[in-house]
Amino acid sequence: MNKLIRLPDELIVSKIYLLRGMKVMIDRDLAELYGVETKRLKEAVKRNLERFPDDFMFEMTKEELENWRSQNVTSNSLKMGMRYLPYCFSEQGVAMLSSILKSR
C-alpha cells in the first residue's frame, strides 16, 4: 500500500523564490522533493514541453542565475553541480510536473 508522505510546510516555503514577478520553485529543489534526479526531471519536462506554457515554466537566464545565487545560495556546495540553467516552475507548473513524473 502506497503511503502519502507529508512534507513540512516550512521546507516547501523555503524553496519558493520570486523571479520575473512570479513565485517559483527550481528544478533541483523539486527533484529532491519528488525523490528523482534533476536530470530525470528535466528529461520528463522536455518530453512534455507542450504541457508547460511560459506561465507554468521558464528557464532562468545566466543573469538571473547569478543574481539568484548571490541572494539565495549560502553554501558553495549548493552552487556545485549546477552546470545548466535551471527550470523554474510556477504553482501550475508544479502541478503539471507531478502529473508527468513517475515518483511517489
PDB file of N, CA and C in Angstrom:
ATOM      1  N   MET A   1       0.832  -1.173   0.000  1.00  0.00           N
ATOM      2  CA  MET A   1       0.000   0.000   0.000  1.00  0.00           C
ATOM      3  C   MET A   1       0.886   1.250   0.000  1.00  0.00           C
ATOM      4  N   ASN A   2       0.665   2.168  -0.940  1.00  0.00           N
ATOM      5  CA  ASN A   2       1.446   3.401  -1.007  1.00  0.00           C
ATOM      6  C   ASN A   2       0.986   4.367   0.070  1.00  0.00           C
ATOM      7  N   LYS A   3       1.950   4.932   0.742  1.00  0.00           N
ATOM      8  CA  LYS A   3       1.660   5.877   1.802  1.00  0.00           C
ATOM      9  C   LYS A   3       2.053   7.278   1.343  1.00  0.00           C
ATOM     10  N   LEU A   4       1.161   8.241   1.472  1.00  0.00           N
ATOM     11  CA  LEU A   4       1.446   9.612   1.104  1.00  0.00           C
ATOM     12  C   LEU A   4       2.371  10.227   2.148  1.00  0.00           C
ATOM     13  N   ILE A   5       3.448  10.828   1.674  1.00  0.00           N
ATOM     14  CA  ILE A   5       4.407  11.453   2.571  1.00  0.00           C
ATOM     15  C   ILE A   5       4.059  12.932   2.683  1.00  0.00           C
ATOM     16  N   ARG A   6       3.895  13.416   3.895  1.00  0.00           N
ATOM     17  CA  ARG A   6       3.568  14.823   4.152  1.00  0.00           C
ATOM     18  C   ARG A   6       4.844  15.569   4.521  1.00  0.00           C
ATOM     19  N   LEU A   7       5.194  16.550   3.692  1.00  0.00           N
ATOM     20  CA  LEU A   7       6.387  17.355   3.950  1.00  0.00           C
ATOM     21  C   LEU A   7       6.012  18.568   4.784  1.00  0.00           C
ATOM     22  N   PRO A   8       6.909  19.002   5.667  1.00  0.00           N
ATOM     23  CA  PRO A   8       6.628  20.195   6.458  1.00  0.00           C
ATOM     24  C   PRO A   8       6.464  21.431   5.564  1.00  0.00           C
ATOM     25  N   ASP A   9       5.470  22.251   5.885  1.00  0.00           N
ATOM     26  CA  ASP A   9       5.227  23.471   5.105  1.00  0.00           C
ATOM     27  C   ASP A   9       6.469  24.350   5.024  1.00  0.00           C
ATOM     28  N   GLU A  10       7.225  24.425   6.111  1.00  0.00           N
ATOM     29  CA  GLU A  10       8.422  25.272   6.157  1.00  0.00           C
ATOM     30  C   GLU A  10       9.449  24.838   5.120  1.00  0.00           C
ATOM     31  N   LEU A  11       9.570  23.528   4.921  1.00  0.00           N
ATOM     32  CA  LEU A  11      10.518  23.009   3.937  1.00  0.00           C
ATOM     33  C   LEU A  11      10.129  23.483   2.538  1.00  0.00           C
ATOM     34  N   ILE A  12       8.867  23.366   2.222  1.00  0.00           N
ATOM     35  CA  ILE A  12       8.394  23.764   0.893  1.00  0.00           C
ATOM     36  C   ILE A  12       8.509  25.276   0.712  1.00  0.00           C
ATOM     37  N   VAL A  13       8.066  26.036   1.699  1.00  0.00           N
ATOM     38  CA  VAL A  13       8.105  27.500   1.613  1.00  0.00           C
ATOM     39  C   VAL A  13       9.529  28.002   1.441  1.00  0.00           C
ATOM     40  N   SER A  14      10.493  27.335   2.069  1.00  0.00           N
ATOM     41  CA  SER A  14      11.893  27.776   1.961  1.00  0.00           C
ATOM     42  C   SER A  14      12.460  27.584   0.558  1.00  0.00           C
ATOM     43  N   LYS A  15      11.766  26.855  -0.289  1.00  0.00           N
ATOM     44  CA  LYS A  15      12.245  26.584  -1.642  1.00  0.00           C
ATOM     45  C   LYS A  15      11.459  27.360  -2.705  1.00  0.00           C
ATOM     46  N   ILE A  16      10.697  28.347  -2.268  1.00  0.00           N
ATOM     47  CA  ILE A  16       9.941  29.192  -3.192  1.00  0.00           C
ATOM     48  C   ILE A  16      10.674  30.518  -3.342  1.00  0.00           C
ATOM     49  N   TYR A  17      10.888  30.922  -4.592  1.00  0.00           N
ATOM     50  CA  TYR A  17      11.617  32.152  -4.896  1.00  0.00           C
ATOM     51  C   TYR A  17      10.758  33.046  -5.769  1.00  0.00           C
ATOM     52  N   LEU A  18      11.054  34.335  -5.753  1.00  0.00           N
ATOM     53  CA  LEU A  18      10.357  35.294  -6.596  1.00  0.00           C
ATOM     54  C   LEU A  18      11.263  35.650  -7.764  1.00  0.00           C
ATOM     55  N   LEU A  19      10.846  35.261  -8.957  1.00  0.00           N
ATOM     56  CA  LEU A  19      11.576  35.559 -10.190  1.00  0.00           C
ATOM     57  C   LEU A  19      10.587  36.022 -11.244  1.00  0.00           C
ATOM     58  N   ARG A  20      10.941  37.058 -11.965  1.00  0.00           N
ATOM     59  CA  ARG A  20      10.083  37.618 -13.013  1.00  0.00           C
ATOM     60  C   ARG A  20       8.685  37.928 -12.484  1.00  0.00           C
ATOM     61  N   GLY A  21       8.614  38.303 -11.229  1.00  0.00           N
ATOM     62  CA  GLY A  21       7.336  38.646 -10.627  1.00  0.00           C
ATOM     63  C   GLY A  21       6.450  37.455 -10.312  1.00  0.00           C
ATOM     64  N   MET A  22       7.019  36.249 -10.396  1.00  0.00           N
ATOM     65  CA  MET A  22       6.264  35.020 -10.128  1.00  0.00           C
ATOM     66  C   MET A  22       6.905  34.262  -8.978  1.00  0.00           C
ATOM     67  N   LYS A  23       6.090  33.605  -8.178  1.00  0.00           N
ATOM     68  CA  LYS A  23       6.608  32.686  -7.170  1.00  0.00           C
ATOM     69  C   LYS A  23       6.893  31.375  -7.882  1.00  0.00           C
ATOM     70  N   VAL A  24       8.141  30.909  -7.767  1.00  0.00           N
ATOM     71  CA  VAL A  24       8.550  29.697  -8.484  1.00  0.00           C
ATOM     72  C   VAL A  24       9.384  28.791  -7.590  1.00  0.00           C
ATOM     73  N   MET A  25       9.471  27.555  -8.021  1.00  0.00           N
ATOM     74  CA  MET A  25      10.386  26.580  -7.423  1.00  0.00           C
ATOM     75  C   MET A  25      11.306  26.120  -8.541  1.00  0.00           C
ATOM     76  N   ILE A  26      12.580  25.867  -8.203  1.00  0.00           N
ATOM     77  CA  ILE A  26      13.527  25.464  -9.243  1.00  0.00           C
ATOM     78  C   ILE A  26      13.602  23.941  -9.359  1.00  0.00           C
ATOM     79  N   ASP A  27      14.056  23.501 -10.509  1.00  0.00           N
ATOM     80  CA  ASP A  27      14.063  22.082 -10.848  1.00  0.00           C
ATOM     81  C   ASP A  27      14.793  21.214  -9.838  1.00  0.00           C
ATOM     82  N   ARG A  28      15.959  21.634  -9.358  1.00  0.00           N
ATOM     83  CA  ARG A  28      16.719  20.768  -8.452  1.00  0.00           C
ATOM     84  C   ARG A  28      16.007  20.594  -7.118  1.00  0.00           C
ATOM     85  N   ASP A  29      15.323  21.638  -6.632  1.00  0.00           N
ATOM     86  CA  ASP A  29      14.561  21.514  -5.388  1.00  0.00           C
ATOM     87  C   ASP A  29      13.361  20.588  -5.573  1.00  0.00           C
ATOM     88  N   LEU A  30      12.679  20.735  -6.701  1.00  0.00           N
ATOM     89  CA  LEU A  30      11.527  19.869  -6.972  1.00  0.00           C
ATOM     90  C   LEU A  30      11.964  18.419  -7.158  1.00  0.00           C
ATOM     91  N   ALA A  31      13.095  18.215  -7.823  1.00  0.00           N
ATOM     92  CA  ALA A  31      13.603  16.853  -7.997  1.00  0.00           C
ATOM     93  C   ALA A  31      13.857  16.211  -6.632  1.00  0.00           C
ATOM     94  N   GLU A  32      14.448  16.984  -5.734  1.00  0.00           N
ATOM     95  CA  GLU A  32      14.710  16.478  -4.388  1.00  0.00           C
ATOM     96  C   GLU A  32      13.399  16.143  -3.667  1.00  0.00           C
ATOM     97  N   LEU A  33      12.429  17.040  -3.757  1.00  0.00           N
ATOM     98  CA  LEU A  33      11.143  16.812  -3.089  1.00  0.00           C
ATOM     99  C   LEU A  33      10.400  15.599  -3.667  1.00  0.00           C
ATOM    100  N   TYR A  34      10.522  15.402  -4.977  1.00  0.00           N
ATOM    101  CA  TYR A  34       9.853  14.265  -5.623  1.00  0.00           C
ATOM    102  C   TYR A  34      10.679  12.982  -5.579  1.00  0.00           C
ATOM    103  N   GLY A  35      11.931  13.077  -5.111  1.00  0.00           N
ATOM    104  CA  GLY A  35      12.757  11.888  -4.991  1.00  0.00           C
ATOM    105  C   GLY A  35      13.269  11.355  -6.311  1.00  0.00           C
ATOM    106  N   VAL A  36      13.548  12.265  -7.244  1.00  0.00           N
ATOM    107  CA  VAL A  36      14.100  11.878  -8.540  1.00  0.00           C
ATOM    108  C   VAL A  36      15.353  12.711  -8.796  1.00  0.00           C
ATOM    109  N   GLU A  37      16.167  12.287  -9.760  1.00  0.00           N
ATOM    110  CA  GLU A  37      17.339  13.067 -10.144  1.00  0.00           C
ATOM    111  C   GLU A  37      16.886  14.266 -10.966  1.00  0.00           C
ATOM    112  N   THR A  38      17.599  15.379 -10.821  1.00  0.00           N
ATOM    113  CA  THR A  38      17.273  16.577 -11.602  1.00  0.00           C
ATOM    114  C   THR A  38      17.300  16.266 -13.090  1.00  0.00           C
ATOM    115  N   LYS A  39      18.271  15.459 -13.502  1.00  0.00           N
ATOM    116  CA  LYS A  39      18.389  15.077 -14.912  1.00  0.00           C
ATOM    117  C   LYS A  39      17.115  14.381 -15.394  1.00  0.00           C
ATOM    118  N   ARG A  40      16.572  13.495 -14.590  1.00  0.00           N
ATOM    119  CA  ARG A  40      15.349  12.771 -14.976  1.00  0.00           C
ATOM    120  C   ARG A  40      14.142  13.698 -15.029  1.00  0.00           C
ATOM    121  N   LEU A  41      14.084  14.646 -14.086  1.00  0.00           N
ATOM    122  CA  LEU A  41      13.003  15.621 -14.089  1.00  0.00           C
ATOM    123  C   LEU A  41      13.042  16.441 -15.379  1.00  0.00           C
ATOM    124  N   LYS A  42      14.234  16.915 -15.743  1.00  0.00           N
ATOM    125  CA  LYS A  42      14.374  17.716 -16.960  1.00  0.00           C
ATOM    126  C   LYS A  42      14.030  16.904 -18.211  1.00  0.00           C
ATOM    127  N   GLU A  43      14.409  15.641 -18.221  1.00  0.00           N
ATOM    128  CA  GLU A  43      14.073  14.780 -19.357  1.00  0.00           C
ATOM    129  C   GLU A  43      12.559  14.645 -19.501  1.00  0.00           C
ATOM    130  N   ALA A  44      11.865  14.446 -18.387  1.00  0.00           N
ATOM    131  CA  ALA A  44      10.411  14.314 -18.414  1.00  0.00           C
ATOM    132  C   ALA A  44       9.765  15.596 -18.924  1.00  0.00           C
ATOM    133  N   VAL A  45      10.295  16.733 -18.499  1.00  0.00           N
ATOM    134  CA  VAL A  45       9.761  18.020 -18.954  1.00  0.00           C
ATOM    135  C   VAL A  45       9.984  18.183 -20.455  1.00  0.00           C
ATOM    136  N   LYS A  46      11.186  17.868 -20.925  1.00  0.00           N
ATOM    137  CA  LYS A  46      11.490  18.021 -22.353  1.00  0.00           C
ATOM    138  C   LYS A  46      10.600  17.134 -23.221  1.00  0.00           C
ATOM    139  N   ARG A  47      10.246  15.949 -22.709  1.00  0.00           N
ATOM    140  CA  ARG A  47       9.349  15.059 -23.454  1.00  0.00           C
ATOM    141  C   ARG A  47       7.913  15.585 -23.480  1.00  0.00           C
ATOM    142  N   ASN A  48       7.602  16.516 -22.580  1.00  0.00           N
ATOM    143  CA  ASN A  48       6.236  17.019 -22.447  1.00  0.00           C
ATOM    144  C   ASN A  48       6.180  18.547 -22.496  1.00  0.00           C
ATOM    145  N   LEU A  49       7.041  19.168 -23.277  1.00  0.00           N
ATOM    146  CA  LEU A  49       7.136  20.630 -23.310  1.00  0.00           C
ATOM    147  C   LEU A  49       5.805  21.312 -23.629  1.00  0.00           C
ATOM    148  N   GLU A  50       4.978  20.678 -24.434  1.00  0.00           N
ATOM    149  CA  GLU A  50       3.694  21.296 -24.801  1.00  0.00           C
ATOM    150  C   GLU A  50       2.781  21.481 -23.590  1.00  0.00           C
ATOM    151  N   ARG A  51       3.049  20.793 -22.516  1.00  0.00           N
ATOM    152  CA  ARG A  51       2.249  20.926 -21.287  1.00  0.00           C
ATOM    153  C   ARG A  51       2.712  22.071 -20.392  1.00  0.00           C
ATOM    154  N   PHE A  52       3.806  22.735 -20.764  1.00  0.00           N
ATOM    155  CA  PHE A  52       4.406  23.764 -19.924  1.00  0.00           C
ATOM    156  C   PHE A  52       4.508  25.100 -20.643  1.00  0.00           C
ATOM    157  N   PRO A  53       3.401  25.841 -20.723  1.00  0.00           N
ATOM    158  CA  PRO A  53       3.485  27.190 -21.306  1.00  0.00           C
ATOM    159  C   PRO A  53       4.332  28.097 -20.408  1.00  0.00           C
ATOM    160  N   ASP A  54       4.626  29.293 -20.904  1.00  0.00           N
ATOM    161  CA  ASP A  54       5.519  30.214 -20.193  1.00  0.00           C
ATOM    162  C   ASP A  54       5.063  30.557 -18.781  1.00  0.00           C
ATOM    163  N   ASP A  55       3.757  30.547 -18.522  1.00  0.00           N
ATOM    164  CA  ASP A  55       3.299  30.867 -17.172  1.00  0.00           C
ATOM    165  C   ASP A  55       3.342  29.648 -16.251  1.00  0.00           C
ATOM    166  N   PHE A  56       3.722  28.481 -16.775  1.00  0.00           N
ATOM    167  CA  PHE A  56       3.908  27.263 -15.973  1.00  0.00           C
ATOM    168  C   PHE A  56       5.388  27.039 -15.662  1.00  0.00           C
ATOM    169  N   MET A  57       6.259  27.361 -16.657  1.00  0.00           N
ATOM    170  CA  MET A  57       7.674  27.062 -16.516  1.00  0.00           C
ATOM    171  C   MET A  57       8.494  27.958 -17.439  1.00  0.00           C
ATOM    172  N   PHE A  58       9.682  28.333 -16.979  1.00  0.00           N
ATOM    173  CA  PHE A  58      10.634  29.032 -17.831  1.00  0.00           C
ATOM    174  C   PHE A  58      12.033  28.654 -17.379  1.00  0.00           C
ATOM    175  N   GLU A  59      12.999  28.883 -18.257  1.00  0.00           N
ATOM    176  CA  GLU A  59      14.392  28.616 -17.922  1.00  0.00           C
ATOM    177  C   GLU A  59      15.036  29.925 -17.461  1.00  0.00           C
ATOM    178  N   MET A  60      15.772  29.873 -16.350  1.00  0.00           N
ATOM    179  CA  MET A  60      16.478  31.056 -15.854  1.00  0.00           C
ATOM    180  C   MET A  60      17.502  31.501 -16.882  1.00  0.00           C
ATOM    181  N   THR A  61      17.714  32.796 -16.963  1.00  0.00           N
ATOM    182  CA  THR A  61      18.804  33.316 -17.789  1.00  0.00           C
ATOM    183  C   THR A  61      20.089  33.255 -16.964  1.00  0.00           C
ATOM    184  N   LYS A  62      21.226  33.428 -17.613  1.00  0.00           N
ATOM    185  CA  LYS A  62      22.506  33.436 -16.890  1.00  0.00           C
ATOM    186  C   LYS A  62      22.530  34.546 -15.848  1.00  0.00           C
ATOM    187  N   GLU A  63      22.000  35.707 -16.203  1.00  0.00           N
ATOM    188  CA  GLU A  63      21.980  36.838 -15.267  1.00  0.00           C
ATOM    189  C   GLU A  63      21.080  36.536 -14.064  1.00  0.00           C
ATOM    190  N   GLU A  64      19.927  35.946 -14.319  1.00  0.00           N
ATOM    191  CA  GLU A  64      19.022  35.583 -13.222  1.00  0.00           C
ATOM    192  C   GLU A  64      19.673  34.555 -12.306  1.00  0.00           C
ATOM    193  N   LEU A  65      20.387  33.599 -12.895  1.00  0.00           N
ATOM    194  CA  LEU A  65      21.041  32.574 -12.098  1.00  0.00           C
ATOM    195  C   LEU A  65      22.099  33.187 -11.180  1.00  0.00           C
ATOM    196  N   GLU A  66      22.919  34.068 -11.717  1.00  0.00           N
ATOM    197  CA  GLU A  66      23.951  34.709 -10.899  1.00  0.00           C
ATOM    198  C   GLU A  66      23.319  35.545  -9.787  1.00  0.00           C
ATOM    199  N   ASN A  67      22.276  36.274 -10.104  1.00  0.00           N
ATOM    200  CA  ASN A  67      21.581  37.088  -9.111  1.00  0.00           C
ATOM    201  C   ASN A  67      20.938  36.199  -8.048  1.00  0.00           C
ATOM    202  N   TRP A  68      20.314  35.113  -8.485  1.00  0.00           N
ATOM    203  CA  TRP A  68      19.676  34.168  -7.558  1.00  0.00           C
ATOM    204  C   TRP A  68      20.717  33.550  -6.633  1.00  0.00           C
ATOM    205  N   ARG A  69      21.830  33.140  -7.204  1.00  0.00           N
ATOM    206  CA  ARG A  69      22.901  32.546  -6.394  1.00  0.00           C
ATOM    207  C   ARG A  69      23.403  33.523  -5.346  1.00  0.00           C
ATOM    208  N   SER A  70      23.637  34.762  -5.753  1.00  0.00           N
ATOM    209  CA  SER A  70      24.194  35.735  -4.815  1.00  0.00           C
ATOM    210  C   SER A  70      23.215  36.074  -3.700  1.00  0.00           C
ATOM    211  N   GLN A  71      21.918  35.976  -3.964  1.00  0.00           N
ATOM    212  CA  GLN A  71      20.915  36.312  -2.951  1.00  0.00           C
ATOM    213  C   GLN A  71      20.470  35.123  -2.112  1.00  0.00           C
ATOM    214  N   ASN A  72      20.507  33.926  -2.667  1.00  0.00           N
ATOM    215  CA  ASN A  72      19.871  32.796  -2.003  1.00  0.00           C
ATOM    216  C   ASN A  72      20.772  31.644  -1.611  1.00  0.00           C
ATOM    217  N   VAL A  73      21.869  31.457  -2.279  1.00  0.00           N
ATOM    218  CA  VAL A  73      22.709  30.300  -2.018  1.00  0.00           C
ATOM    219  C   VAL A  73      23.778  30.688  -1.009  1.00  0.00           C
ATOM    220  N   THR A  74      23.740  30.041   0.146  1.00  0.00           N
ATOM    221  CA  THR A  74      24.685  30.385   1.198  1.00  0.00           C
ATOM    222  C   THR A  74      25.860  29.435   1.255  1.00  0.00           C
ATOM    223  N   SER A  75      25.754  28.302   0.614  1.00  0.00           N
ATOM    224  CA  SER A  75      26.815  27.304   0.671  1.00  0.00           C
ATOM    225  C   SER A  75      27.373  27.051  -0.716  1.00  0.00           C
ATOM    226  N   ASN A  76      28.696  26.991  -0.817  1.00  0.00           N
ATOM    227  CA  ASN A  76      29.313  26.680  -2.101  1.00  0.00           C
ATOM    228  C   ASN A  76      28.898  25.309  -2.602  1.00  0.00           C
ATOM    229  N   SER A  77      28.578  24.398  -1.695  1.00  0.00           N
ATOM    230  CA  SER A  77      28.183  23.054  -2.122  1.00  0.00           C
ATOM    231  C   SER A  77      26.891  23.099  -2.930  1.00  0.00           C
ATOM    232  N   LEU A  78      26.028  24.076  -2.648  1.00  0.00           N
ATOM    233  CA  LEU A  78      24.794  24.199  -3.420  1.00  0.00           C
ATOM    234  C   LEU A  78      25.071  24.736  -4.817  1.00  0.00           C
ATOM    235  N   LYS A  79      26.135  25.529  -4.967  1.00  0.00           N
ATOM    236  CA  LYS A  79      26.488  26.064  -6.274  1.00  0.00           C
ATOM    237  C   LYS A  79      27.063  24.980  -7.166  1.00  0.00           C
ATOM    238  N   MET A  80      27.783  24.041  -6.565  1.00  0.00           N
ATOM    239  CA  MET A  80      28.421  22.993  -7.326  1.00  0.00           C
ATOM    240  C   MET A  80      27.378  22.085  -7.974  1.00  0.00           C
ATOM    241  N   GLY A  81      27.688  21.631  -9.143  1.00  0.00           N
ATOM    242  CA  GLY A  81      26.789  20.707  -9.816  1.00  0.00           C
ATOM    243  C   GLY A  81      25.680  21.392 -10.598  1.00  0.00           C
ATOM    244  N   MET A  82      25.527  22.691 -10.466  1.00  0.00           N
ATOM    245  CA  MET A  82      24.501  23.395 -11.227  1.00  0.00           C
ATOM    246  C   MET A  82      25.159  23.882 -12.511  1.00  0.00           C
ATOM    247  N   ARG A  83      25.305  22.970 -13.451  1.00  0.00           N
ATOM    248  CA  ARG A  83      26.008  23.266 -14.696  1.00  0.00           C
ATOM    249  C   ARG A  83      25.097  23.876 -15.746  1.00  0.00           C
ATOM    250  N   TYR A  84      23.814  23.621 -15.617  1.00  0.00           N
ATOM    251  CA  TYR A  84      22.853  24.082 -16.609  1.00  0.00           C
ATOM    252  C   TYR A  84      21.898  25.079 -15.978  1.00  0.00           C
ATOM    253  N   LEU A  85      21.345  25.936 -16.813  1.00  0.00           N
ATOM    254  CA  LEU A  85      20.369  26.895 -16.316  1.00  0.00           C
ATOM    255  C   LEU A  85      19.150  26.136 -15.816  1.00  0.00           C
ATOM    256  N   PRO A  86      18.709  26.426 -14.610  1.00  0.00           N
ATOM    257  CA  PRO A  86      17.580  25.669 -14.058  1.00  0.00           C
ATOM    258  C   PRO A  86      16.243  26.089 -14.656  1.00  0.00           C
ATOM    259  N   TYR A  87      15.322  25.138 -14.666  1.00  0.00           N
ATOM    260  CA  TYR A  87      13.933  25.429 -14.992  1.00  0.00           C
ATOM    261  C   TYR A  87      13.269  25.949 -13.725  1.00  0.00           C
ATOM    262  N   CYS A  88      12.375  26.901 -13.883  1.00  0.00           N
ATOM    263  CA  CYS A  88      11.611  27.467 -12.775  1.00  0.00           C
ATOM    264  C   CYS A  88      10.135  27.176 -13.030  1.00  0.00           C
ATOM    265  N   PHE A  89       9.449  26.664 -12.010  1.00  0.00           N
ATOM    266  CA  PHE A  89       8.061  26.238 -12.158  1.00  0.00           C
ATOM    267  C   PHE A  89       7.143  27.063 -11.270  1.00  0.00           C
ATOM    268  N   SER A  90       6.065  27.580 -11.858  1.00  0.00           N
ATOM    269  CA  SER A  90       5.030  28.255 -11.084  1.00  0.00           C
ATOM    270  C   SER A  90       4.189  27.181 -10.382  1.00  0.00           C
ATOM    271  N   GLU A  91       3.224  27.616  -9.603  1.00  0.00           N
ATOM    272  CA  GLU A  91       2.358  26.654  -8.910  1.00  0.00           C
ATOM    273  C   GLU A  91       1.665  25.720  -9.900  1.00  0.00           C
ATOM    274  N   GLN A  92       1.192  26.277 -11.013  1.00  0.00           N
ATOM    275  CA  GLN A  92       0.546  25.441 -12.041  1.00  0.00           C
ATOM    276  C   GLN A  92       1.560  24.502 -12.685  1.00  0.00           C
ATOM    277  N   GLY A  93       2.777  24.969 -12.845  1.00  0.00           N
ATOM    278  CA  GLY A  93       3.833  24.133 -13.411  1.00  0.00           C
ATOM    279  C   GLY A  93       4.189  22.974 -12.501  1.00  0.00           C
ATOM    280  N   VAL A  94       4.209  23.234 -11.189  1.00  0.00           N
ATOM    281  CA  VAL A  94       4.484  22.158 -10.222  1.00  0.00           C
ATOM    282  C   VAL A  94       3.381  21.109 -10.297  1.00  0.00           C
ATOM    283  N   ALA A  95       2.134  21.561 -10.411  1.00  0.00           N
ATOM    284  CA  ALA A  95       1.015  20.618 -10.522  1.00  0.00           C
ATOM    285  C   ALA A  95       1.142  19.778 -11.792  1.00  0.00           C
ATOM    286  N   MET A  96       1.498  20.410 -12.900  1.00  0.00           N
ATOM    287  CA  MET A  96       1.684  19.676 -14.151  1.00  0.00           C
ATOM    288  C   MET A  96       2.859  18.715 -14.040  1.00  0.00           C
ATOM    289  N   LEU A  97       3.926  19.155 -13.400  1.00  0.00           N
ATOM    290  CA  LEU A  97       5.096  18.310 -13.209  1.00  0.00           C
ATOM    291  C   LEU A  97       4.731  17.037 -12.458  1.00  0.00           C
ATOM    292  N   SER A  98       3.917  17.177 -11.435  1.00  0.00           N
ATOM    293  CA  SER A  98       3.538  16.000 -10.640  1.00  0.00           C
ATOM    294  C   SER A  98       2.754  15.000 -11.491  1.00  0.00           C
ATOM    295  N   SER A  99       2.096  15.478 -12.548  1.00  0.00           N
ATOM    296  CA  SER A  99       1.325  14.552 -13.384  1.00  0.00           C
ATOM    297  C   SER A  99       2.190  13.803 -14.397  1.00  0.00           C
ATOM    298  N   ILE A 100       3.409  14.294 -14.670  1.00  0.00           N
ATOM    299  CA  ILE A 100       4.251  13.612 -15.665  1.00  0.00           C
ATOM    300  C   ILE A 100       5.380  12.802 -15.030  1.00  0.00           C
ATOM    301  N   LEU A 101       5.697  13.077 -13.765  1.00  0.00           N
ATOM    302  CA  LEU A 101       6.784  12.342 -13.097  1.00  0.00           C
ATOM    303  C   LEU A 101       6.292  11.005 -12.594  1.00  0.00           C
ATOM    304  N   LYS A 102       7.156  10.035 -12.693  1.00  0.00           N
ATOM    305  CA  LYS A 102       6.844   8.714 -12.144  1.00  0.00           C
ATOM    306  C   LYS A 102       7.571   8.587 -10.814  1.00  0.00           C
ATOM    307  N   SER A 103       6.953   9.148  -9.785  1.00  0.00           N
ATOM    308  CA  SER A 103       7.539   9.078  -8.453  1.00  0.00           C
ATOM    309  C   SER A 103       6.407   9.066  -7.430  1.00  0.00           C
ATOM    310  N   ARG A 104       6.755   8.790  -6.194  1.00  0.00           N
ATOM    311  CA  ARG A 104       5.764   8.818  -5.134  1.00  0.00           C
ATOM    312  C   ARG A 104       5.397  10.244  -4.833  1.00  0.00           C
TER     313      ARG A 104
END
